[in-house]
N, C-alpha and C. Protein backbone atom coordinates (compact mmCIF):
# COMPACT_ATOMS: atom_id res chain seq x y z
N UNK A 1 -3.45 -5.15 -10.95
CA UNK A 1 -3.77 -5.73 -9.67
C UNK A 1 -4.52 -4.73 -8.80
N UNK A 2 -4.13 -3.46 -8.83
CA UNK A 2 -4.79 -2.45 -8.00
C UNK A 2 -6.26 -2.29 -8.38
N UNK A 3 -6.55 -2.28 -9.66
CA UNK A 3 -7.94 -2.14 -10.10
C UNK A 3 -8.76 -3.38 -9.73
N UNK A 4 -8.15 -4.55 -9.81
CA UNK A 4 -8.84 -5.78 -9.47
C UNK A 4 -9.21 -5.79 -7.99
N UNK A 5 -8.27 -5.48 -7.12
CA UNK A 5 -8.54 -5.46 -5.68
C UNK A 5 -9.55 -4.37 -5.36
N UNK A 6 -9.43 -3.20 -5.97
CA UNK A 6 -10.37 -2.11 -5.72
C UNK A 6 -11.79 -2.50 -6.11
N UNK A 7 -11.94 -3.20 -7.22
CA UNK A 7 -13.29 -3.59 -7.63
C UNK A 7 -13.88 -4.58 -6.64
N UNK A 8 -13.05 -5.47 -6.09
CA UNK A 8 -13.54 -6.41 -5.08
C UNK A 8 -13.92 -5.70 -3.80
N UNK A 9 -13.20 -4.62 -3.47
CA UNK A 9 -13.50 -3.86 -2.26
C UNK A 9 -14.63 -2.87 -2.48
N UNK A 10 -15.02 -2.66 -3.73
CA UNK A 10 -16.09 -1.73 -4.04
C UNK A 10 -15.72 -0.28 -3.86
N UNK A 11 -14.46 0.06 -4.16
CA UNK A 11 -14.01 1.44 -4.02
C UNK A 11 -13.60 2.01 -5.37
N UNK A 12 -13.69 3.31 -5.49
CA UNK A 12 -13.28 4.02 -6.70
C UNK A 12 -11.85 4.51 -6.48
N UNK A 13 -10.94 4.11 -7.35
CA UNK A 13 -9.54 4.45 -7.16
C UNK A 13 -8.92 5.02 -8.43
N UNK A 14 -7.77 5.64 -8.24
CA UNK A 14 -6.93 6.09 -9.34
C UNK A 14 -5.53 5.60 -9.01
N UNK A 15 -5.16 4.38 -9.46
CA UNK A 15 -3.85 3.82 -9.10
C UNK A 15 -2.68 4.67 -9.59
N UNK A 16 -1.68 4.73 -8.74
CA UNK A 16 -0.42 5.40 -9.07
C UNK A 16 0.67 4.39 -8.76
N UNK A 17 1.63 4.25 -9.66
CA UNK A 17 2.71 3.28 -9.46
C UNK A 17 4.03 4.01 -9.28
N UNK A 18 4.74 3.64 -8.24
CA UNK A 18 6.10 4.13 -8.02
C UNK A 18 6.99 2.89 -8.08
N UNK A 19 7.77 2.79 -9.12
CA UNK A 19 8.62 1.62 -9.28
C UNK A 19 9.97 1.86 -8.64
N UNK A 20 10.26 1.09 -7.64
CA UNK A 20 11.55 1.20 -6.97
C UNK A 20 11.44 1.83 -5.60
N UNK A 21 11.89 1.09 -4.59
CA UNK A 21 11.80 1.55 -3.21
C UNK A 21 12.63 2.81 -2.96
N UNK A 22 13.61 3.06 -3.78
CA UNK A 22 14.46 4.24 -3.58
C UNK A 22 13.88 5.52 -4.15
N UNK A 23 12.74 5.42 -4.81
CA UNK A 23 12.13 6.60 -5.43
C UNK A 23 11.17 7.30 -4.50
N UNK A 24 11.05 8.60 -4.67
CA UNK A 24 10.10 9.42 -3.92
C UNK A 24 9.02 9.91 -4.88
N UNK A 25 7.94 10.40 -4.31
CA UNK A 25 6.87 10.98 -5.11
C UNK A 25 7.33 12.36 -5.57
N UNK A 26 7.22 12.62 -6.85
CA UNK A 26 7.66 13.91 -7.40
C UNK A 26 6.90 15.05 -6.72
N UNK A 27 7.62 16.06 -6.29
CA UNK A 27 7.03 17.19 -5.58
C UNK A 27 5.91 17.86 -6.39
N UNK A 28 6.04 17.88 -7.70
CA UNK A 28 5.03 18.51 -8.54
C UNK A 28 3.71 17.72 -8.56
N UNK A 29 3.76 16.44 -8.18
CA UNK A 29 2.55 15.60 -8.19
C UNK A 29 1.86 15.55 -6.83
N UNK A 30 2.53 15.96 -5.77
CA UNK A 30 1.98 15.78 -4.43
C UNK A 30 0.65 16.47 -4.20
N UNK A 31 0.41 17.61 -4.82
CA UNK A 31 -0.85 18.33 -4.58
C UNK A 31 -2.08 17.51 -5.00
N UNK A 32 -1.90 16.54 -5.87
CA UNK A 32 -3.02 15.70 -6.31
C UNK A 32 -3.54 14.80 -5.19
N UNK A 33 -2.76 14.63 -4.13
CA UNK A 33 -3.13 13.75 -3.03
C UNK A 33 -3.75 14.48 -1.85
N UNK A 34 -3.82 15.81 -1.90
CA UNK A 34 -4.40 16.60 -0.82
C UNK A 34 -5.86 16.20 -0.61
N UNK A 35 -6.20 15.95 0.66
CA UNK A 35 -7.57 15.61 1.01
C UNK A 35 -7.98 14.19 0.66
N UNK A 36 -7.04 13.35 0.27
CA UNK A 36 -7.35 11.99 -0.18
C UNK A 36 -6.97 10.94 0.86
N UNK A 37 -7.64 9.80 0.80
CA UNK A 37 -7.25 8.60 1.53
C UNK A 37 -6.39 7.78 0.57
N UNK A 38 -5.18 7.50 0.96
CA UNK A 38 -4.22 6.81 0.12
C UNK A 38 -3.96 5.42 0.70
N UNK A 39 -4.00 4.41 -0.12
CA UNK A 39 -3.65 3.05 0.29
C UNK A 39 -2.41 2.63 -0.51
N UNK A 40 -1.36 2.27 0.22
CA UNK A 40 -0.08 1.91 -0.39
C UNK A 40 0.05 0.38 -0.40
N UNK A 41 0.55 -0.14 -1.49
CA UNK A 41 0.87 -1.56 -1.59
C UNK A 41 2.36 -1.69 -1.87
N UNK A 42 3.13 -1.92 -0.83
CA UNK A 42 4.57 -2.06 -0.98
C UNK A 42 4.94 -3.54 -1.07
N UNK A 43 6.17 -3.80 -1.44
CA UNK A 43 6.68 -5.16 -1.34
C UNK A 43 6.85 -5.48 0.13
N UNK A 44 6.63 -6.72 0.51
CA UNK A 44 6.73 -7.13 1.91
C UNK A 44 8.17 -7.51 2.24
N UNK A 45 9.02 -6.49 2.23
CA UNK A 45 10.41 -6.66 2.64
C UNK A 45 10.86 -5.34 3.26
N UNK A 46 12.05 -5.34 3.82
CA UNK A 46 12.53 -4.15 4.53
C UNK A 46 12.56 -2.92 3.64
N UNK A 47 13.02 -3.07 2.41
CA UNK A 47 13.09 -1.92 1.49
C UNK A 47 11.69 -1.41 1.16
N UNK A 48 10.74 -2.31 0.93
CA UNK A 48 9.38 -1.90 0.62
C UNK A 48 8.71 -1.19 1.77
N UNK A 49 8.90 -1.70 3.00
CA UNK A 49 8.29 -1.06 4.17
C UNK A 49 8.89 0.32 4.43
N UNK A 50 10.21 0.44 4.23
CA UNK A 50 10.86 1.75 4.40
C UNK A 50 10.36 2.73 3.35
N UNK A 51 10.21 2.27 2.12
CA UNK A 51 9.70 3.13 1.05
C UNK A 51 8.28 3.58 1.37
N UNK A 52 7.45 2.66 1.85
CA UNK A 52 6.08 3.00 2.21
C UNK A 52 6.02 4.07 3.29
N UNK A 53 6.89 3.96 4.29
CA UNK A 53 6.94 4.97 5.35
C UNK A 53 7.37 6.32 4.79
N UNK A 54 8.34 6.31 3.87
CA UNK A 54 8.79 7.55 3.23
C UNK A 54 7.65 8.19 2.42
N UNK A 55 6.96 7.37 1.63
CA UNK A 55 5.85 7.89 0.82
C UNK A 55 4.73 8.40 1.71
N UNK A 56 4.45 7.71 2.80
CA UNK A 56 3.41 8.16 3.73
C UNK A 56 3.75 9.53 4.30
N UNK A 57 5.01 9.73 4.69
CA UNK A 57 5.42 11.05 5.20
C UNK A 57 5.20 12.12 4.14
N UNK A 58 5.60 11.83 2.90
CA UNK A 58 5.39 12.80 1.82
C UNK A 58 3.90 13.11 1.64
N UNK A 59 3.09 12.08 1.66
CA UNK A 59 1.65 12.25 1.43
C UNK A 59 0.98 13.02 2.55
N UNK A 60 1.33 12.72 3.80
CA UNK A 60 0.77 13.48 4.92
C UNK A 60 1.18 14.95 4.85
N UNK A 61 2.45 15.20 4.52
CA UNK A 61 2.91 16.59 4.38
C UNK A 61 2.16 17.32 3.27
N UNK A 62 1.73 16.57 2.25
CA UNK A 62 1.00 17.16 1.12
C UNK A 62 -0.48 17.33 1.44
N UNK A 63 -0.92 16.85 2.61
CA UNK A 63 -2.31 17.05 2.99
C UNK A 63 -3.23 15.85 2.83
N UNK A 64 -2.67 14.66 2.62
CA UNK A 64 -3.51 13.47 2.57
C UNK A 64 -4.21 13.31 3.92
N UNK A 65 -5.45 12.87 3.89
CA UNK A 65 -6.20 12.73 5.14
C UNK A 65 -5.91 11.42 5.85
N UNK A 66 -5.56 10.40 5.10
CA UNK A 66 -5.24 9.10 5.68
C UNK A 66 -4.33 8.35 4.71
N UNK A 67 -3.32 7.68 5.27
CA UNK A 67 -2.44 6.83 4.48
C UNK A 67 -2.34 5.49 5.20
N UNK A 68 -2.75 4.43 4.52
CA UNK A 68 -2.60 3.09 5.08
C UNK A 68 -1.98 2.20 4.03
N UNK A 69 -1.74 0.95 4.41
CA UNK A 69 -1.08 0.06 3.46
C UNK A 69 -1.62 -1.35 3.60
N UNK A 70 -1.47 -2.11 2.54
CA UNK A 70 -1.76 -3.53 2.59
C UNK A 70 -0.67 -4.20 3.41
N UNK A 71 -1.05 -5.15 4.25
CA UNK A 71 -0.10 -5.90 5.05
C UNK A 71 -0.15 -7.35 4.60
N UNK A 72 0.84 -7.77 3.84
CA UNK A 72 0.89 -9.12 3.30
C UNK A 72 1.66 -10.09 4.21
N UNK A 73 2.18 -9.61 5.33
CA UNK A 73 3.05 -10.40 6.18
C UNK A 73 2.39 -11.71 6.60
N UNK A 74 3.10 -12.80 6.32
CA UNK A 74 2.63 -14.12 6.73
C UNK A 74 1.65 -14.78 5.78
N UNK A 75 1.17 -14.06 4.77
CA UNK A 75 0.25 -14.66 3.80
C UNK A 75 1.03 -15.53 2.84
N UNK A 76 0.44 -16.66 2.47
CA UNK A 76 1.10 -17.56 1.54
C UNK A 76 0.23 -17.81 0.32
N UNK A 77 0.91 -17.98 -0.81
CA UNK A 77 0.23 -18.34 -2.04
C UNK A 77 -0.09 -19.84 -1.99
N UNK A 78 -0.86 -20.30 -2.95
CA UNK A 78 -1.25 -21.71 -2.98
C UNK A 78 -0.05 -22.64 -3.13
N UNK A 79 1.04 -22.14 -3.69
CA UNK A 79 2.24 -22.97 -3.84
C UNK A 79 3.14 -22.92 -2.61
N UNK A 80 2.68 -22.24 -1.56
CA UNK A 80 3.43 -22.15 -0.31
C UNK A 80 4.39 -20.98 -0.22
N UNK A 81 4.68 -20.33 -1.33
CA UNK A 81 5.56 -19.16 -1.30
C UNK A 81 4.82 -17.98 -0.69
N UNK A 82 5.56 -17.11 -0.03
CA UNK A 82 4.94 -15.97 0.64
C UNK A 82 4.45 -14.93 -0.36
N UNK A 83 3.34 -14.29 -0.02
CA UNK A 83 2.82 -13.17 -0.81
C UNK A 83 3.77 -12.01 -0.58
N UNK A 84 4.29 -11.45 -1.67
CA UNK A 84 5.27 -10.36 -1.53
C UNK A 84 4.78 -9.02 -2.04
N UNK A 85 3.66 -9.02 -2.81
CA UNK A 85 3.20 -7.75 -3.36
C UNK A 85 1.72 -7.85 -3.75
N UNK A 86 1.20 -6.77 -4.28
CA UNK A 86 -0.22 -6.70 -4.61
C UNK A 86 -0.62 -7.70 -5.69
N UNK A 87 0.25 -7.95 -6.64
CA UNK A 87 -0.07 -8.90 -7.70
C UNK A 87 -0.23 -10.31 -7.13
N UNK A 88 0.67 -10.70 -6.21
CA UNK A 88 0.53 -12.00 -5.55
C UNK A 88 -0.79 -12.08 -4.79
N UNK A 89 -1.09 -11.00 -4.08
CA UNK A 89 -2.31 -10.95 -3.27
C UNK A 89 -3.56 -11.04 -4.15
N UNK A 90 -3.58 -10.30 -5.24
CA UNK A 90 -4.74 -10.31 -6.13
C UNK A 90 -4.97 -11.69 -6.73
N UNK A 91 -3.89 -12.43 -6.93
CA UNK A 91 -4.00 -13.76 -7.53
C UNK A 91 -4.70 -14.75 -6.61
N UNK A 92 -4.69 -14.50 -5.31
CA UNK A 92 -5.31 -15.45 -4.39
C UNK A 92 -6.50 -14.87 -3.63
N UNK A 93 -6.79 -13.60 -3.85
CA UNK A 93 -7.83 -12.93 -3.06
C UNK A 93 -9.21 -13.54 -3.25
N UNK A 94 -9.87 -13.74 -2.15
CA UNK A 94 -11.27 -14.14 -2.16
C UNK A 94 -12.08 -12.85 -2.17
N UNK A 95 -12.89 -12.61 -3.19
CA UNK A 95 -13.62 -11.34 -3.30
C UNK A 95 -14.55 -11.04 -2.12
N UNK A 96 -14.89 -12.03 -1.31
CA UNK A 96 -15.78 -11.77 -0.18
C UNK A 96 -15.01 -11.40 1.08
N UNK A 97 -13.68 -11.46 1.04
CA UNK A 97 -12.86 -11.13 2.21
C UNK A 97 -12.21 -9.76 2.03
N UNK A 98 -12.33 -8.87 3.02
CA UNK A 98 -11.67 -7.56 2.89
C UNK A 98 -10.15 -7.70 2.95
N UNK A 99 -9.49 -6.79 2.30
CA UNK A 99 -8.03 -6.79 2.31
C UNK A 99 -7.52 -6.34 3.66
N UNK A 100 -6.49 -7.01 4.21
CA UNK A 100 -5.93 -6.57 5.49
C UNK A 100 -5.11 -5.30 5.29
N UNK A 101 -5.36 -4.30 6.08
CA UNK A 101 -4.62 -3.05 5.97
C UNK A 101 -4.03 -2.69 7.32
N UNK A 102 -2.90 -2.07 7.29
CA UNK A 102 -2.23 -1.61 8.49
C UNK A 102 -2.06 -0.10 8.34
N UNK A 103 -2.63 0.66 9.25
CA UNK A 103 -2.59 2.12 9.14
C UNK A 103 -1.25 2.64 9.62
N UNK A 104 -0.67 3.57 8.86
CA UNK A 104 0.55 4.24 9.27
C UNK A 104 0.18 5.30 10.31
N UNK A 105 0.13 4.93 11.57
CA UNK A 105 -0.17 5.91 12.60
C UNK A 105 1.02 6.82 12.83
N UNK A 106 2.18 6.22 13.01
CA UNK A 106 3.42 6.95 13.18
C UNK A 106 4.25 6.66 11.94
N UNK A 107 4.28 7.61 11.03
CA UNK A 107 4.94 7.36 9.75
C UNK A 107 6.45 7.24 9.88
N UNK A 108 7.00 7.55 11.03
CA UNK A 108 8.43 7.39 11.23
C UNK A 108 8.79 5.92 11.44
N UNK A 109 7.80 5.09 11.77
CA UNK A 109 8.02 3.67 12.00
C UNK A 109 7.23 2.88 10.96
N UNK A 110 7.69 1.68 10.68
CA UNK A 110 6.87 0.81 9.84
C UNK A 110 5.79 0.22 10.74
N UNK A 111 4.76 -0.33 10.15
CA UNK A 111 3.68 -0.91 10.93
C UNK A 111 4.19 -2.03 11.80
N UNK A 112 3.70 -2.04 13.03
CA UNK A 112 4.04 -3.14 13.91
C UNK A 112 3.15 -4.32 13.56
N UNK A 113 3.71 -5.47 13.59
CA UNK A 113 2.96 -6.67 13.26
C UNK A 113 2.63 -7.42 14.54
N UNK A 114 1.42 -7.92 14.59
CA UNK A 114 1.02 -8.69 15.77
C UNK A 114 1.01 -10.16 15.46
């Protein structure tokens, strides 16, 4: 799903998967993110948003230049169920529409929704 969305956005990416909201980015891997713009795709639930904030803090401490995330809040699939993750989003994405992103300005808080 990450490669599909990236190709629609016309960006060059190297997807990294962290399975499980309770997991952190391994300290030995953090240096790979120095100087990079990181886009996080969490599950759209409390655990996913908390995990995203935790990962953003780790990434900023490691020297990432920007960390933002996909915001799936309120999006619905064609069957009416809510979009909960990047795979759901990729399944309905219109390639001519940019992905909605919410920037982690204050990584201690989850993104505020308007």
